[in-house]
Amino acid sequence: SLMWVGILGAFISAMEAAGMALADRARYIPLTKLLLMMAVASLV
């Protein structure tokens, strides 16, 4: 429903924000591993 669209949108944004907040801690991840994570997430 429209109400749940808004609620789920908030959930998606919270998940995205969690990833952004983790960026500083994950800044030493090798580029290959980072891109592999993006590939797996895309397949999900």
PDB file of all heavy atoms in Angstrom:
ATOM      1  N   SER A   1       0.831  -1.202   0.000  1.00  0.00           N
ATOM      2  CA  SER A   1       0.000   0.000   0.000  1.00  0.00           C
ATOM      3  C   SER A   1       0.866   1.252   0.000  1.00  0.00           C
ATOM      4  O   SER A   1       2.082   1.187   0.234  1.00  0.00           O
ATOM      5  CB  SER A   1      -0.898   0.011   1.236  1.00  0.00           C
ATOM      6  OG  SER A   1      -0.124   0.201   2.410  1.00  0.00           O
ATOM      7  N   LEU A   2       0.228   2.420  -0.238  1.00  0.00           N
ATOM      8  CA  LEU A   2       0.973   3.684  -0.231  1.00  0.00           C
ATOM      9  C   LEU A   2       1.655   3.919   1.109  1.00  0.00           C
ATOM     10  O   LEU A   2       2.803   4.387   1.163  1.00  0.00           O
ATOM     11  CB  LEU A   2       0.031   4.853  -0.543  1.00  0.00           C
ATOM     12  CG  LEU A   2      -0.231   5.179  -2.018  1.00  0.00           C
ATOM     13  CD1 LEU A   2      -1.221   6.325  -2.120  1.00  0.00           C
ATOM     14  CD2 LEU A   2       1.066   5.517  -2.741  1.00  0.00           C
ATOM     15  N   MET A   3       0.971   3.616   2.201  1.00  0.00           N
ATOM     16  CA  MET A   3       1.584   3.799   3.509  1.00  0.00           C
ATOM     17  C   MET A   3       2.823   2.919   3.656  1.00  0.00           C
ATOM     18  O   MET A   3       3.881   3.375   4.102  1.00  0.00           O
ATOM     19  CB  MET A   3       0.585   3.473   4.620  1.00  0.00           C
ATOM     20  CG  MET A   3       1.138   3.739   6.016  1.00  0.00           C
ATOM     21  SD  MET A   3       0.005   3.243   7.337  1.00  0.00           S
ATOM     22  CE  MET A   3       0.187   1.449   7.259  1.00  0.00           C
ATOM     23  N   TRP A   4       2.710   1.660   3.220  1.00  0.00           N
ATOM     24  CA  TRP A   4       3.856   0.757   3.326  1.00  0.00           C
ATOM     25  C   TRP A   4       4.964   1.116   2.349  1.00  0.00           C
ATOM     26  O   TRP A   4       6.139   0.856   2.617  1.00  0.00           O
ATOM     27  CB  TRP A   4       3.402  -0.694   3.132  1.00  0.00           C
ATOM     28  CG  TRP A   4       2.909  -1.291   4.412  1.00  0.00           C
ATOM     29  CD1 TRP A   4       1.631  -1.594   4.746  1.00  0.00           C
ATOM     30  CD2 TRP A   4       3.713  -1.627   5.546  1.00  0.00           C
ATOM     31  NE1 TRP A   4       1.572  -2.092   6.023  1.00  0.00           N
ATOM     32  CE2 TRP A   4       2.833  -2.132   6.546  1.00  0.00           C
ATOM     33  CE3 TRP A   4       5.075  -1.546   5.828  1.00  0.00           C
ATOM     34  CZ2 TRP A   4       3.292  -2.555   7.790  1.00  0.00           C
ATOM     35  CZ3 TRP A   4       5.529  -1.965   7.071  1.00  0.00           C
ATOM     36  CH2 TRP A   4       4.642  -2.460   8.038  1.00  0.00           C
ATOM     37  N   VAL A   5       4.620   1.739   1.241  1.00  0.00           N
ATOM     38  CA  VAL A   5       5.655   2.229   0.324  1.00  0.00           C
ATOM     39  C   VAL A   5       6.557   3.225   1.050  1.00  0.00           C
ATOM     40  O   VAL A   5       7.786   3.185   0.947  1.00  0.00           O
ATOM     41  CB  VAL A   5       5.022   2.875  -0.931  1.00  0.00           C
ATOM     42  CG1 VAL A   5       6.069   3.676  -1.706  1.00  0.00           C
ATOM     43  CG2 VAL A   5       4.417   1.799  -1.831  1.00  0.00           C
ATOM     44  N   GLY A   6       5.933   4.143   1.809  1.00  0.00           N
ATOM     45  CA  GLY A   6       6.715   5.107   2.574  1.00  0.00           C
ATOM     46  C   GLY A   6       7.539   4.451   3.661  1.00  0.00           C
ATOM     47  O   GLY A   6       8.717   4.761   3.853  1.00  0.00           O
ATOM     48  N   ILE A   7       6.938   3.511   4.387  1.00  0.00           N
ATOM     49  CA  ILE A   7       7.656   2.828   5.465  1.00  0.00           C
ATOM     50  C   ILE A   7       8.819   2.012   4.920  1.00  0.00           C
ATOM     51  O   ILE A   7       9.938   2.048   5.458  1.00  0.00           O
ATOM     52  CB  ILE A   7       6.691   1.930   6.258  1.00  0.00           C
ATOM     53  CG1 ILE A   7       5.655   2.800   6.990  1.00  0.00           C
ATOM     54  CG2 ILE A   7       7.451   1.049   7.244  1.00  0.00           C
ATOM     55  CD1 ILE A   7       4.534   2.013   7.624  1.00  0.00           C
ATOM     56  N   LEU A   8       8.586   1.289   3.834  1.00  0.00           N
ATOM     57  CA  LEU A   8       9.661   0.496   3.238  1.00  0.00           C
ATOM     58  C   LEU A   8      10.739   1.380   2.624  1.00  0.00           C
ATOM     59  O   LEU A   8      11.925   1.035   2.638  1.00  0.00           O
ATOM     60  CB  LEU A   8       9.092  -0.450   2.180  1.00  0.00           C
ATOM     61  CG  LEU A   8       8.225  -1.591   2.729  1.00  0.00           C
ATOM     62  CD1 LEU A   8       7.607  -2.383   1.585  1.00  0.00           C
ATOM     63  CD2 LEU A   8       9.049  -2.500   3.636  1.00  0.00           C
ATOM     64  N   GLY A   9      10.324   2.546   2.087  1.00  0.00           N
ATOM     65  CA  GLY A   9      11.314   3.494   1.596  1.00  0.00           C
ATOM     66  C   GLY A   9      12.234   3.955   2.712  1.00  0.00           C
ATOM     67  O   GLY A   9      13.445   4.109   2.519  1.00  0.00           O
ATOM     68  N   ALA A  10      11.671   4.178   3.902  1.00  0.00           N
ATOM     69  CA  ALA A  10      12.476   4.564   5.060  1.00  0.00           C
ATOM     70  C   ALA A  10      13.450   3.444   5.432  1.00  0.00           C
ATOM     71  O   ALA A  10      14.614   3.696   5.774  1.00  0.00           O
ATOM     72  CB  ALA A  10      11.568   4.894   6.243  1.00  0.00           C
ATOM     73  N   PHE A  11      12.985   2.202   5.351  1.00  0.00           N
ATOM     74  CA  PHE A  11      13.858   1.060   5.653  1.00  0.00           C
ATOM     75  C   PHE A  11      15.019   0.987   4.662  1.00  0.00           C
ATOM     76  O   PHE A  11      16.182   0.790   5.065  1.00  0.00           O
ATOM     77  CB  PHE A  11      13.046  -0.231   5.613  1.00  0.00           C
ATOM     78  CG  PHE A  11      13.887  -1.477   5.584  1.00  0.00           C
ATOM     79  CD1 PHE A  11      14.554  -1.901   6.721  1.00  0.00           C
ATOM     80  CD2 PHE A  11      14.022  -2.221   4.415  1.00  0.00           C
ATOM     81  CE1 PHE A  11      15.340  -3.043   6.700  1.00  0.00           C
ATOM     82  CE2 PHE A  11      14.800  -3.367   4.379  1.00  0.00           C
ATOM     83  CZ  PHE A  11      15.464  -3.775   5.528  1.00  0.00           C
ATOM     84  N   ILE A  12      14.728   1.157   3.381  1.00  0.00           N
ATOM     85  CA  ILE A  12      15.780   1.111   2.364  1.00  0.00           C
ATOM     86  C   ILE A  12      16.803   2.217   2.610  1.00  0.00           C
ATOM     87  O   ILE A  12      18.022   2.004   2.517  1.00  0.00           O
ATOM     88  CB  ILE A  12      15.180   1.240   0.950  1.00  0.00           C
ATOM     89  CG1 ILE A  12      14.267   0.048   0.623  1.00  0.00           C
ATOM     90  CG2 ILE A  12      16.282   1.379  -0.102  1.00  0.00           C
ATOM     91  CD1 ILE A  12      14.962  -1.288   0.633  1.00  0.00           C
ATOM     92  N   SER A  13      16.324   3.405   2.935  1.00  0.00           N
ATOM     93  CA  SER A  13      17.232   4.516   3.207  1.00  0.00           C
ATOM     94  C   SER A  13      18.094   4.252   4.428  1.00  0.00           C
ATOM     95  O   SER A  13      19.274   4.610   4.460  1.00  0.00           O
ATOM     96  CB  SER A  13      16.429   5.806   3.399  1.00  0.00           C
ATOM     97  OG  SER A  13      15.775   6.180   2.209  1.00  0.00           O
ATOM     98  N   ALA A  14      17.513   3.618   5.457  1.00  0.00           N
ATOM     99  CA  ALA A  14      18.281   3.281   6.649  1.00  0.00           C
ATOM    100  C   ALA A  14      19.388   2.285   6.315  1.00  0.00           C
ATOM    101  O   ALA A  14      20.522   2.399   6.817  1.00  0.00           O
ATOM    102  CB  ALA A  14      17.360   2.713   7.727  1.00  0.00           C
ATOM    103  N   MET A  15      19.090   1.324   5.454  1.00  0.00           N
ATOM    104  CA  MET A  15      20.105   0.352   5.043  1.00  0.00           C
ATOM    105  C   MET A  15      21.215   1.024   4.238  1.00  0.00           C
ATOM    106  O   MET A  15      22.405   0.737   4.420  1.00  0.00           O
ATOM    107  CB  MET A  15      19.448  -0.751   4.215  1.00  0.00           C
ATOM    108  CG  MET A  15      18.441  -1.605   4.982  1.00  0.00           C
ATOM    109  SD  MET A  15      19.214  -2.623   6.259  1.00  0.00           S
ATOM    110  CE  MET A  15      19.945  -3.919   5.243  1.00  0.00           C
ATOM    111  N   GLU A  16      20.832   1.943   3.358  1.00  0.00           N
ATOM    112  CA  GLU A  16      21.822   2.687   2.582  1.00  0.00           C
ATOM    113  C   GLU A  16      22.693   3.535   3.508  1.00  0.00           C
ATOM    114  O   GLU A  16      23.915   3.613   3.347  1.00  0.00           O
ATOM    115  CB  GLU A  16      21.118   3.567   1.556  1.00  0.00           C
ATOM    116  CG  GLU A  16      22.051   4.310   0.630  1.00  0.00           C
ATOM    117  CD  GLU A  16      21.302   5.206  -0.349  1.00  0.00           C
ATOM    118  OE1 GLU A  16      20.050   5.230  -0.324  1.00  0.00           O
ATOM    119  OE2 GLU A  16      21.978   5.886  -1.141  1.00  0.00           O
ATOM    120  N   ALA A  17      22.053   4.189   4.486  1.00  0.00           N
ATOM    121  CA  ALA A  17      22.790   5.016   5.442  1.00  0.00           C
ATOM    122  C   ALA A  17      23.773   4.181   6.255  1.00  0.00           C
ATOM    123  O   ALA A  17      24.891   4.627   6.552  1.00  0.00           O
ATOM    124  CB  ALA A  17      21.821   5.730   6.374  1.00  0.00           C
ATOM    125  N   ALA A  18      23.375   2.976   6.611  1.00  0.00           N
ATOM    126  CA  ALA A  18      24.278   2.093   7.349  1.00  0.00           C
ATOM    127  C   ALA A  18      25.532   1.812   6.533  1.00  0.00           C
ATOM    128  O   ALA A  18      26.652   1.817   7.066  1.00  0.00           O
ATOM    129  CB  ALA A  18      23.559   0.789   7.700  1.00  0.00           C
ATOM    130  N   GLY A  19      25.352   1.574   5.245  1.00  0.00           N
ATOM    131  CA  GLY A  19      26.507   1.358   4.386  1.00  0.00           C
ATOM    132  C   GLY A  19      27.403   2.582   4.316  1.00  0.00           C
ATOM    133  O   GLY A  19      28.640   2.469   4.379  1.00  0.00           O
ATOM    134  N   MET A  20      26.803   3.752   4.203  1.00  0.00           N
ATOM    135  CA  MET A  20      27.589   4.989   4.144  1.00  0.00           C
ATOM    136  C   MET A  20      28.360   5.228   5.439  1.00  0.00           C
ATOM    137  O   MET A  20      29.508   5.659   5.430  1.00  0.00           O
ATOM    138  CB  MET A  20      26.667   6.166   3.854  1.00  0.00           C
ATOM    139  CG  MET A  20      26.092   6.152   2.450  1.00  0.00           C
ATOM    140  SD  MET A  20      24.874   7.455   2.199  1.00  0.00           S
ATOM    141  CE  MET A  20      24.633   7.327   0.412  1.00  0.00           C
ATOM    142  N   ALA A  21      27.708   4.936   6.577  1.00  0.00           N
ATOM    143  CA  ALA A  21      28.372   5.123   7.865  1.00  0.00           C
ATOM    144  C   ALA A  21      29.537   4.151   8.039  1.00  0.00           C
ATOM    145  O   ALA A  21      30.502   4.447   8.756  1.00  0.00           O
ATOM    146  CB  ALA A  21      27.363   4.943   8.992  1.00  0.00           C
ATOM    147  N   LEU A  22      29.463   3.000   7.376  1.00  0.00           N
ATOM    148  CA  LEU A  22      30.538   2.005   7.464  1.00  0.00           C
ATOM    149  C   LEU A  22      31.712   2.321   6.552  1.00  0.00           C
ATOM    150  O   LEU A  22      32.757   1.670   6.644  1.00  0.00           O
ATOM    151  CB  LEU A  22      29.995   0.615   7.112  1.00  0.00           C
ATOM    152  CG  LEU A  22      29.058  -0.042   8.130  1.00  0.00           C
ATOM    153  CD1 LEU A  22      28.437  -1.297   7.529  1.00  0.00           C
ATOM    154  CD2 LEU A  22      29.824  -0.387   9.409  1.00  0.00           C
ATOM    155  N   ALA A  23      31.554   3.307   5.674  1.00  0.00           N
ATOM    156  CA  ALA A  23      32.569   3.575   4.661  1.00  0.00           C
ATOM    157  C   ALA A  23      33.927   3.899   5.274  1.00  0.00           C
ATOM    158  O   ALA A  23      34.967   3.441   4.788  1.00  0.00           O
ATOM    159  CB  ALA A  23      32.118   4.726   3.757  1.00  0.00           C
ATOM    160  N   ASP A  24      33.951   4.676   6.356  1.00  0.00           N
ATOM    161  CA  ASP A  24      35.223   5.044   6.974  1.00  0.00           C
ATOM    162  C   ASP A  24      35.929   3.819   7.543  1.00  0.00           C
ATOM    163  O   ASP A  24      37.136   3.657   7.390  1.00  0.00           O
ATOM    164  CB  ASP A  24      34.993   6.087   8.067  1.00  0.00           C
ATOM    165  CG  ASP A  24      36.301   6.532   8.714  1.00  0.00           C
ATOM    166  OD1 ASP A  24      37.207   6.962   7.970  1.00  0.00           O
ATOM    167  OD2 ASP A  24      36.420   6.450   9.950  1.00  0.00           O
ATOM    168  N   ARG A  25      35.156   2.925   8.179  1.00  0.00           N
ATOM    169  CA  ARG A  25      35.745   1.707   8.740  1.00  0.00           C
ATOM    170  C   ARG A  25      36.235   0.761   7.649  1.00  0.00           C
ATOM    171  O   ARG A  25      37.156  -0.026   7.855  1.00  0.00           O
ATOM    172  CB  ARG A  25      34.731   0.980   9.617  1.00  0.00           C
ATOM    173  CG  ARG A  25      34.334   1.741  10.872  1.00  0.00           C
ATOM    174  CD  ARG A  25      33.285   0.984  11.658  1.00  0.00           C
ATOM    175  NE  ARG A  25      32.912   1.685  12.868  1.00  0.00           N
ATOM    176  CZ  ARG A  25      33.518   1.540  14.043  1.00  0.00           C
ATOM    177  NH1 ARG A  25      34.547   0.710  14.149  1.00  0.00           N
ATOM    178  NH2 ARG A  25      33.122   2.215  15.100  1.00  0.00           N
ATOM    179  N   ALA A  26      35.595   0.828   6.487  1.00  0.00           N
ATOM    180  CA  ALA A  26      35.915  -0.111   5.408  1.00  0.00           C
ATOM    181  C   ALA A  26      36.860   0.488   4.367  1.00  0.00           C
ATOM    182  O   ALA A  26      37.032  -0.092   3.289  1.00  0.00           O
ATOM    183  CB  ALA A  26      34.623  -0.557   4.723  1.00  0.00           C
ATOM    184  N   ARG A  27      37.485   1.625   4.693  1.00  0.00           N
ATOM    185  CA  ARG A  27      38.239   2.348   3.667  1.00  0.00           C
ATOM    186  C   ARG A  27      39.499   1.612   3.197  1.00  0.00           C
ATOM    187  O   ARG A  27      40.081   1.980   2.177  1.00  0.00           O
ATOM    188  CB  ARG A  27      38.613   3.739   4.160  1.00  0.00           C
ATOM    189  CG  ARG A  27      39.564   3.793   5.337  1.00  0.00           C
ATOM    190  CD  ARG A  27      39.749   5.250   5.806  1.00  0.00           C
ATOM    191  NE  ARG A  27      40.677   5.382   6.903  1.00  0.00           N
ATOM    192  CZ  ARG A  27      40.366   5.240   8.182  1.00  0.00           C
ATOM    193  NH1 ARG A  27      39.128   4.923   8.508  1.00  0.00           N
ATOM    194  NH2 ARG A  27      41.272   5.386   9.126  1.00  0.00           N
ATOM    195  N   TYR A  28      39.925   0.587   3.925  1.00  0.00           N
ATOM    196  CA  TYR A  28      41.128  -0.142   3.512  1.00  0.00           C
ATOM    197  C   TYR A  28      40.795  -1.436   2.761  1.00  0.00           C
ATOM    198  O   TYR A  28      41.695  -2.227   2.467  1.00  0.00           O
ATOM    199  CB  TYR A  28      41.998  -0.459   4.728  1.00  0.00           C
ATOM    200  CG  TYR A  28      42.491   0.785   5.437  1.00  0.00           C
ATOM    201  CD1 TYR A  28      42.095   1.060   6.735  1.00  0.00           C
ATOM    202  CD2 TYR A  28      43.316   1.702   4.782  1.00  0.00           C
ATOM    203  CE1 TYR A  28      42.525   2.211   7.387  1.00  0.00           C
ATOM    204  CE2 TYR A  28      43.743   2.855   5.418  1.00  0.00           C
ATOM    205  CZ  TYR A  28      43.341   3.109   6.719  1.00  0.00           C
ATOM    206  OH  TYR A  28      43.773   4.256   7.353  1.00  0.00           O
ATOM    207  N   ILE A  29      39.521  -1.655   2.469  1.00  0.00           N
ATOM    208  CA  ILE A  29      39.157  -2.834   1.683  1.00  0.00           C
ATOM    209  C   ILE A  29      39.789  -2.733   0.300  1.00  0.00           C
ATOM    210  O   ILE A  29      39.685  -1.691  -0.363  1.00  0.00           O
ATOM    211  CB  ILE A  29      37.624  -2.935   1.544  1.00  0.00           C
ATOM    212  CG1 ILE A  29      36.981  -3.237   2.903  1.00  0.00           C
ATOM    213  CG2 ILE A  29      37.239  -4.015   0.538  1.00  0.00           C
ATOM    214  CD1 ILE A  29      35.466  -3.291   2.849  1.00  0.00           C
ATOM    215  N   PRO A  30      40.449  -3.781  -0.177  1.00  0.00           N
ATOM    216  CA  PRO A  30      41.032  -3.733  -1.519  1.00  0.00           C
ATOM    217  C   PRO A  30      39.955  -3.489  -2.578  1.00  0.00           C
ATOM    218  O   PRO A  30      38.800  -3.907  -2.423  1.00  0.00           O
ATOM    219  CB  PRO A  30      41.664  -5.123  -1.689  1.00  0.00           C
ATOM    220  CG  PRO A  30      41.882  -5.613  -0.299  1.00  0.00           C
ATOM    221  CD  PRO A  30      40.758  -5.056   0.519  1.00  0.00           C
ATOM    222  N   LEU A  31      40.344  -2.827  -3.635  1.00  0.00           N
ATOM    223  CA  LEU A  31      39.397  -2.469  -4.688  1.00  0.00           C
ATOM    224  C   LEU A  31      38.706  -3.694  -5.268  1.00  0.00           C
ATOM    225  O   LEU A  31      37.492  -3.683  -5.496  1.00  0.00           O
ATOM    226  CB  LEU A  31      40.139  -1.713  -5.799  1.00  0.00           C
ATOM    227  CG  LEU A  31      39.298  -1.266  -6.984  1.00  0.00           C
ATOM    228  CD1 LEU A  31      38.253  -0.246  -6.539  1.00  0.00           C
ATOM    229  CD2 LEU A  31      40.182  -0.679  -8.079  1.00  0.00           C
ATOM    230  N   THR A  32      39.448  -4.759  -5.498  1.00  0.00           N
ATOM    231  CA  THR A  32      38.865  -5.968  -6.075  1.00  0.00           C
ATOM    232  C   THR A  32      37.759  -6.529  -5.191  1.00  0.00           C
ATOM    233  O   THR A  32      36.685  -6.899  -5.661  1.00  0.00           O
ATOM    234  CB  THR A  32      39.948  -7.034  -6.296  1.00  0.00           C
ATOM    235  OG1 THR A  32      40.908  -6.532  -7.233  1.00  0.00           O
ATOM    236  CG2 THR A  32      39.346  -8.318  -6.843  1.00  0.00           C
ATOM    237  N   LYS A  33      38.015  -6.557  -3.881  1.00  0.00           N
ATOM    238  CA  LYS A  33      37.013  -7.088  -2.960  1.00  0.00           C
ATOM    239  C   LYS A  33      35.779  -6.187  -2.923  1.00  0.00           C
ATOM    240  O   LYS A  33      34.641  -6.672  -2.875  1.00  0.00           O
ATOM    241  CB  LYS A  33      37.615  -7.228  -1.564  1.00  0.00           C
ATOM    242  CG  LYS A  33      36.664  -7.856  -0.541  1.00  0.00           C
ATOM    243  CD  LYS A  33      37.319  -8.038   0.820  1.00  0.00           C
ATOM    244  CE  LYS A  33      38.376  -9.112   0.771  1.00  0.00           C
ATOM    245  NZ  LYS A  33      38.911  -9.407   2.136  1.00  0.00           N
ATOM    246  N   LEU A  34      35.986  -4.874  -2.947  1.00  0.00           N
ATOM    247  CA  LEU A  34      34.869  -3.937  -2.942  1.00  0.00           C
ATOM    248  C   LEU A  34      33.987  -4.130  -4.172  1.00  0.00           C
ATOM    249  O   LEU A  34      32.752  -4.188  -4.076  1.00  0.00           O
ATOM    250  CB  LEU A  34      35.391  -2.499  -2.901  1.00  0.00           C
ATOM    251  CG  LEU A  34      34.342  -1.378  -2.929  1.00  0.00           C
ATOM    252  CD1 LEU A  34      33.465  -1.436  -1.687  1.00  0.00           C
ATOM    253  CD2 LEU A  34      35.027  -0.014  -3.031  1.00  0.00           C
ATOM    254  N   LEU A  35      34.614  -4.275  -5.331  1.00  0.00           N
ATOM    255  CA  LEU A  35      33.854  -4.462  -6.568  1.00  0.00           C
ATOM    256  C   LEU A  35      33.160  -5.825  -6.601  1.00  0.00           C
ATOM    257  O   LEU A  35      32.056  -5.960  -7.132  1.00  0.00           O
ATOM    258  CB  LEU A  35      34.774  -4.293  -7.774  1.00  0.00           C
ATOM    259  CG  LEU A  35      35.220  -2.845  -8.031  1.00  0.00           C
ATOM    260  CD1 LEU A  35      36.383  -2.794  -9.010  1.00  0.00           C
ATOM    261  CD2 LEU A  35      34.054  -2.002  -8.544  1.00  0.00           C
ATOM    262  N   LEU A  36      33.783  -6.843  -6.011  1.00  0.00           N
ATOM    263  CA  LEU A  36      33.138  -8.151  -5.917  1.00  0.00           C
ATOM    264  C   LEU A  36      31.886  -8.071  -5.038  1.00  0.00           C
ATOM    265  O   LEU A  36      30.857  -8.688  -5.345  1.00  0.00           O
ATOM    266  CB  LEU A  36      34.109  -9.184  -5.353  1.00  0.00           C
ATOM    267  CG  LEU A  36      35.069  -9.840  -6.355  1.00  0.00           C
ATOM    268  CD1 LEU A  36      36.063 -10.739  -5.624  1.00  0.00           C
ATOM    269  CD2 LEU A  36      34.290 -10.640  -7.405  1.00  0.00           C
ATOM    270  N   MET A  37      31.984  -7.324  -3.955  1.00  0.00           N
ATOM    271  CA  MET A  37      30.815  -7.121  -3.090  1.00  0.00           C
ATOM    272  C   MET A  37      29.687  -6.445  -3.872  1.00  0.00           C
ATOM    273  O   MET A  37      28.515  -6.807  -3.735  1.00  0.00           O
ATOM    274  CB  MET A  37      31.201  -6.266  -1.879  1.00  0.00           C
ATOM    275  CG  MET A  37      32.097  -6.973  -0.884  1.00  0.00           C
ATOM    276  SD  MET A  37      32.751  -5.851   0.390  1.00  0.00           S
ATOM    277  CE  MET A  37      31.231  -5.291   1.162  1.00  0.00           C
ATOM    278  N   MET A  38      30.043  -5.470  -4.716  1.00  0.00           N
ATOM    279  CA  MET A  38      29.035  -4.785  -5.520  1.00  0.00           C
ATOM    280  C   MET A  38      28.413  -5.731  -6.540  1.00  0.00           C
ATOM    281  O   MET A  38      27.205  -5.673  -6.800  1.00  0.00           O
ATOM    282  CB  MET A  38      29.669  -3.574  -6.224  1.00  0.00           C
ATOM    283  CG  MET A  38      30.165  -2.507  -5.256  1.00  0.00           C
ATOM    284  SD  MET A  38      31.085  -1.172  -6.061  1.00  0.00           S
ATOM    285  CE  MET A  38      29.717  -0.194  -6.721  1.00  0.00           C
ATOM    286  N   ALA A  39      29.217  -6.631  -7.109  1.00  0.00           N
ATOM    287  CA  ALA A  39      28.698  -7.601  -8.071  1.00  0.00           C
ATOM    288  C   ALA A  39      27.713  -8.565  -7.403  1.00  0.00           C
ATOM    289  O   ALA A  39      26.634  -8.851  -7.935  1.00  0.00           O
ATOM    290  CB  ALA A  39      29.852  -8.379  -8.710  1.00  0.00           C
ATOM    291  N   VAL A  40      28.075  -9.046  -6.213  1.00  0.00           N
ATOM    292  CA  VAL A  40      27.196  -9.971  -5.492  1.00  0.00           C
ATOM    293  C   VAL A  40      25.892  -9.270  -5.108  1.00  0.00           C
ATOM    294  O   VAL A  40      24.794  -9.824  -5.265  1.00  0.00           O
ATOM    295  CB  VAL A  40      27.914 -10.523  -4.243  1.00  0.00           C
ATOM    296  CG1 VAL A  40      26.935 -11.315  -3.370  1.00  0.00           C
ATOM    297  CG2 VAL A  40      29.084 -11.414  -4.655  1.00  0.00           C
ATOM    298  N   ALA A  41      26.005  -8.036  -4.603  1.00  0.00           N
ATOM    299  CA  ALA A  41      24.809  -7.288  -4.214  1.00  0.00           C
ATOM    300  C   ALA A  41      23.890  -7.065  -5.410  1.00  0.00           C
ATOM    301  O   ALA A  41      22.658  -7.108  -5.280  1.00  0.00           O
ATOM    302  CB  ALA A  41      25.211  -5.948  -3.600  1.00  0.00           C
ATOM    303  N   SER A  42      24.475  -6.840  -6.573  1.00  0.00           N
ATOM    304  CA  SER A  42      23.683  -6.631  -7.787  1.00  0.00           C
ATOM    305  C   SER A  42      22.939  -7.897  -8.184  1.00  0.00           C
ATOM    306  O   SER A  42      21.782  -7.851  -8.631  1.00  0.00           O
ATOM    307  CB  SER A  42      24.593  -6.166  -8.930  1.00  0.00           C
ATOM    308  OG  SER A  42      25.229  -4.943  -8.607  1.00  0.00           O
ATOM    309  N   LEU A  43      23.593  -9.038  -8.029  1.00  0.00           N
ATOM    310  CA  LEU A  43      22.927 -10.302  -8.340  1.00  0.00           C
ATOM    311  C   LEU A  43      21.801 -10.595  -7.348  1.00  0.00           C
ATOM    312  O   LEU A  43      20.769 -11.173  -7.708  1.00  0.00           O
ATOM    313  CB  LEU A  43      23.949 -11.440  -8.340  1.00  0.00           C
ATOM    314  CG  LEU A  43      24.985 -11.390  -9.476  1.00  0.00           C
ATOM    315  CD1 LEU A  43      26.008 -12.515  -9.310  1.00  0.00           C
ATOM    316  CD2 LEU A  43      24.290 -11.492 -10.839  1.00  0.00           C
ATOM    317  N   VAL A  44      21.978 -10.192  -6.092  1.00  0.00           N
ATOM    318  CA  VAL A  44      20.911 -10.320  -5.104  1.00  0.00           C
ATOM    319  C   VAL A  44      19.704  -9.481  -5.530  1.00  0.00           C
ATOM    320  O   VAL A  44      18.548  -9.913  -5.426  1.00  0.00           O
ATOM    321  CB  VAL A  44      21.409  -9.895  -3.707  1.00  0.00           C
ATOM    322  CG1 VAL A  44      20.242  -9.761  -2.726  1.00  0.00           C
ATOM    323  CG2 VAL A  44      22.424 -10.908  -3.171  1.00  0.00           C
TER     324      VAL A  44
END
